[in-house]
Amino acid sequence: MTECSFCGTDYKTGVGFTFYKKDGKALHYCSNKCLRNAQLKRKPANLKWTKAGGK
């Protein structure tokens, strides 16, 4: 199981997106929703549907 870099949920390997930065670090996203929010530089702590934002 892989953990989403944005929302923190676990998802199956083979699902979602993997984004590789120039320094070689891999960022894993469970859905297009998480990928887009990360690209827009939104903070997970400000969103209720993420583990960091939810209570």
Protein backbone atom coordinates (compact mmCIF):
# COMPACT_ATOMS: atom_id res chain seq x y z
CA MET A 1 0.00 0.00 0.00
CA THR A 2 1.19 3.47 -0.87
CA GLU A 3 0.42 6.65 1.06
CA CYS A 4 -0.73 9.73 -0.80
CA SER A 5 1.73 12.62 -0.46
CA PHE A 6 -1.09 15.17 -0.28
CA CYS A 7 -4.07 13.76 1.62
CA GLY A 8 -2.32 10.97 3.52
CA THR A 9 -4.69 8.12 2.66
CA ASP A 10 -3.44 4.63 1.79
CA TYR A 11 -4.21 3.32 -1.68
CA LYS A 12 -3.30 0.26 -3.73
CA THR A 13 -0.14 0.22 -5.81
CA GLY A 14 -0.93 0.71 -9.50
CA VAL A 15 -3.63 3.29 -8.84
CA GLY A 16 -3.10 7.04 -8.92
CA PHE A 17 -0.15 9.12 -10.07
CA THR A 18 3.56 9.28 -9.28
CA PHE A 19 5.29 12.60 -9.83
CA TYR A 20 9.08 12.69 -9.91
CA LYS A 21 10.85 15.92 -8.98
CA LYS A 22 14.17 17.03 -10.50
CA ASP A 23 16.05 15.96 -7.38
CA GLY A 24 14.75 12.39 -7.81
CA LYS A 25 12.14 12.48 -5.05
CA ALA A 26 8.89 10.66 -5.88
CA LEU A 27 5.55 12.11 -4.82
CA HIS A 28 2.57 9.74 -4.86
CA TYR A 29 -1.01 10.95 -5.39
CA CYS A 30 -4.10 8.78 -5.00
CA SER A 31 -6.28 10.82 -7.37
CA ASN A 32 -6.35 13.68 -9.83
CA LYS A 33 -7.96 15.78 -7.08
CA CYS A 34 -4.85 15.45 -4.88
CA LEU A 35 -2.48 16.03 -7.81
CA ARG A 36 -4.24 19.24 -8.86
CA ASN A 37 -4.41 20.62 -5.31
CA ALA A 38 -0.69 19.96 -4.86
CA GLN A 39 0.13 21.65 -8.17
CA LEU A 40 -1.91 24.67 -7.08
CA LYS A 41 0.30 24.75 -3.96
CA ARG A 42 -2.60 24.36 -1.56
CA LYS A 43 -1.86 23.29 2.00
CA PRO A 44 -3.43 20.00 3.14
CA ALA A 45 -3.93 21.43 6.64
CA ASN A 46 -6.44 23.95 5.27
CA LEU A 47 -8.66 21.30 3.60
CA LYS A 48 -11.19 19.33 5.65
CA TRP A 49 -11.08 16.20 3.48
CA THR A 50 -7.36 15.50 4.16
CA LYS A 51 -5.94 13.74 7.21
CA ALA A 52 -3.98 16.88 8.14
CA GLY A 53 -7.07 19.10 7.86
CA GLY A 54 -9.64 16.77 9.39
CA LYS A 55 -9.93 16.45 13.12
